Protein backbone atom coordinates (compact mmCIF):
# COMPACT_ATOMS: atom_id res chain seq x y z
CA MET A 1 67.90 100.69 108.39
CA THR A 2 67.61 98.09 111.09
CA GLY A 3 68.67 94.51 110.70
CA LYS A 4 71.86 92.66 109.83
CA LEU A 5 74.36 94.47 107.63
CA ILE A 6 75.86 92.24 104.91
CA ALA A 7 78.04 94.64 102.91
CA GLU A 8 78.70 98.36 102.84
CA ASN A 9 80.19 100.60 100.15
CA ARG A 10 82.32 102.83 102.36
CA ARG A 11 84.09 104.42 99.41
CA ALA A 12 80.84 105.86 98.02
CA ARG A 13 80.91 108.92 100.28
CA TYR A 14 84.50 109.62 99.30
CA ASP A 15 83.94 109.35 95.54
CA TYR A 16 80.41 110.82 95.23
CA PHE A 17 78.06 113.48 96.58
CA LEU A 18 75.13 111.32 97.79
CA GLU A 19 71.86 113.18 97.33
CA GLU A 20 68.86 110.92 97.96
CA THR A 21 68.57 107.29 99.08
CA PHE A 22 66.06 104.60 98.21
CA GLU A 23 65.47 101.12 99.60
CA ALA A 24 65.16 98.42 96.94
CA GLY A 25 64.61 94.69 97.05
CA LEU A 26 66.64 92.28 94.91
CA ALA A 27 65.52 89.40 92.72
CA LEU A 28 67.84 86.62 93.97
CA THR A 29 68.16 82.86 93.64
CA GLY A 30 68.23 80.54 96.67
CA THR A 31 71.98 79.97 96.61
CA GLU A 32 72.57 83.74 96.53
CA VAL A 33 70.47 84.23 99.67
CA LYS A 34 72.34 81.41 101.42
CA ALA A 35 75.70 82.97 100.51
CA LEU A 36 74.43 86.33 101.83
CA ARG A 37 73.33 84.70 105.10
CA GLU A 38 76.96 83.65 105.53
CA GLY A 39 77.80 87.37 105.20
CA ARG A 40 79.73 87.04 101.95
CA ALA A 41 79.18 89.85 99.45
CA ASN A 42 80.99 92.81 97.92
CA ILE A 43 79.26 95.89 96.50
CA ALA A 44 82.31 98.18 96.49
CA GLU A 45 82.75 98.37 92.70
CA SER A 46 79.09 97.88 91.76
CA TYR A 47 76.56 100.34 90.37
CA ALA A 48 72.94 100.33 89.20
CA ALA A 49 72.17 100.65 85.49
CA THR A 50 69.01 100.97 83.44
CA GLU A 51 67.77 98.25 81.11
CA GLY A 52 64.70 99.51 79.32
CA ARG A 53 62.27 100.54 82.06
CA GLU A 54 63.98 98.46 84.74
CA ILE A 55 66.98 99.01 87.01
CA VAL A 56 69.59 96.28 87.55
CA LEU A 57 72.50 95.95 89.95
CA VAL A 58 75.68 95.43 87.92
CA ASN A 59 79.03 94.01 89.07
CA ALA A 60 77.99 93.14 92.63
CA ASN A 61 79.89 90.07 93.78
CA ILE A 62 77.97 87.41 95.70
CA PRO A 63 80.36 84.42 95.80
CA GLU A 64 79.16 80.90 95.10
CA TYR A 65 77.57 78.95 97.94
CA GLY A 66 79.83 75.95 98.64
CA PRO A 67 77.30 73.16 99.41
CA ALA A 68 75.21 73.93 96.29
CA ASN A 69 77.93 72.62 93.89
CA ARG A 70 76.38 72.33 90.37
CA PHE A 71 73.19 74.28 91.21
CA ASN A 72 75.15 77.45 91.97
CA HIS A 73 74.68 80.97 90.57
CA ALA A 74 77.05 83.18 88.58
CA PRO A 75 78.81 85.42 91.16
CA ARG A 76 78.70 88.69 89.16
CA ARG A 77 75.44 88.33 87.23
CA PRO A 78 73.21 91.43 86.83
CA ARG A 79 70.41 91.37 89.43
CA LYS A 80 67.05 93.08 88.98
CA LEU A 81 66.13 95.68 91.59
CA LEU A 82 62.58 95.64 92.92
CA LEU A 83 61.16 99.15 93.22
CA HIS A 84 57.79 100.85 92.79
CA ARG A 85 57.12 102.24 89.31
CA LYS A 86 57.16 105.86 90.58
CA GLU A 87 60.57 105.30 92.19
CA ILE A 88 61.91 103.71 89.00
CA ASP A 89 60.67 106.66 86.91
CA ARG A 90 62.25 109.11 89.35
CA LEU A 91 65.59 107.29 89.27
CA LEU A 92 65.53 107.01 85.46
CA GLY A 93 64.82 110.74 85.21
CA ALA A 94 67.72 111.59 87.52
CA VAL A 95 70.12 109.43 85.53
CA GLN A 96 69.04 110.73 82.11
CA ARG A 97 68.43 114.44 82.79
CA GLU A 98 70.82 115.36 85.59
CA GLY A 99 73.74 113.10 84.70
CA CYS A 100 73.70 111.32 88.06
CA THR A 101 74.66 107.73 88.77
CA LEU A 102 72.99 105.17 91.02
CA ILE A 103 75.38 103.84 93.66
CA PRO A 104 74.56 101.05 96.13
CA THR A 105 75.62 102.13 99.62
CA ARG A 106 74.68 99.11 101.76
CA LEU A 107 73.26 95.61 101.46
CA TYR A 108 71.39 94.23 104.47
CA PHE A 109 68.61 92.00 105.80
CA ASN A 110 65.60 93.94 107.06
CA ASP A 111 63.54 93.01 110.13
CA ARG A 112 61.55 90.44 108.15
CA GLY A 113 64.70 88.73 106.84
CA MET A 114 64.40 90.10 103.31
CA VAL A 115 67.53 91.22 101.44
CA LYS A 116 67.44 94.97 100.81
CA LEU A 117 69.79 97.34 99.02
CA GLN A 118 70.15 101.01 99.90
CA LEU A 119 70.61 102.88 96.64
CA ALA A 120 71.71 106.52 96.39
CA ILE A 121 71.45 109.07 93.61
CA ALA A 122 75.01 110.38 93.38
CA LYS A 123 77.09 112.92 91.50
CA GLY A 124 80.79 112.26 91.03
CA LYS A 125 83.36 114.31 92.90
CA LYS A 126 86.33 115.93 91.23
CA MET A 127 89.82 115.66 92.75
CA HIS A 128 89.59 119.03 94.48
CA ASP A 129 86.25 118.03 96.04
CA LYS A 130 87.86 114.86 97.41
CA ARG A 131 90.74 116.88 98.86
CA ASN A 132 88.28 119.29 100.52
CA THR A 133 86.33 116.40 102.01
CA GLU A 134 89.50 114.83 103.37
CA ALA A 135 90.73 118.14 104.84
CA GLU A 136 87.33 118.69 106.48
CA ARG A 137 87.39 115.17 107.97
CA ASP A 138 90.91 115.73 109.34
CA TRP A 139 89.86 119.06 110.88
CA LYS A 140 86.83 117.46 112.57
CA ARG A 141 89.09 114.75 114.00
CA GLU A 142 91.56 117.37 115.25
CA GLN A 143 88.69 119.39 116.78
CA GLY A 144 87.55 116.30 118.66
CA ARG A 145 91.07 115.77 120.03
CA LEU A 146 91.36 119.41 121.13
CA MET A 147 88.00 119.34 122.88
CA ARG A 148 88.82 116.04 124.58
CA ASP A 149 92.21 117.37 125.81
CA ARG A 150 90.66 120.58 127.17
CA GLY A 151 87.56 119.14 128.77
């Protein structure tokens, strides 16, 4: 990923085991793109769901664009994800067979100025997995401090 980061789902790594990532485009309206150019978006509580043979981004918040007044968009409307058919089939298979979920990890503009969404196939963590992850992170931080103090 290169380009300007708009929003990131930092909690995704804490709540899920992220297995594989995909880059998807989004079908957006003009006012949504303008709001994103201002850097206003939230994908923290969003997820991707299947609708027939398509994948849509659900519950992502792109706030209304002020100057557009009555021509504005609905902030939390479902947005279609633009992927190749093979990628869609692979994601649908992972969701249906393996019991995985599709979690958006970051929303950004690519080098050409197009809005892209990084989508990850994820499996939910249990409480003990979260505790292990947190303990591991703390130990890495402590290791860094010890090495810095010694060296």
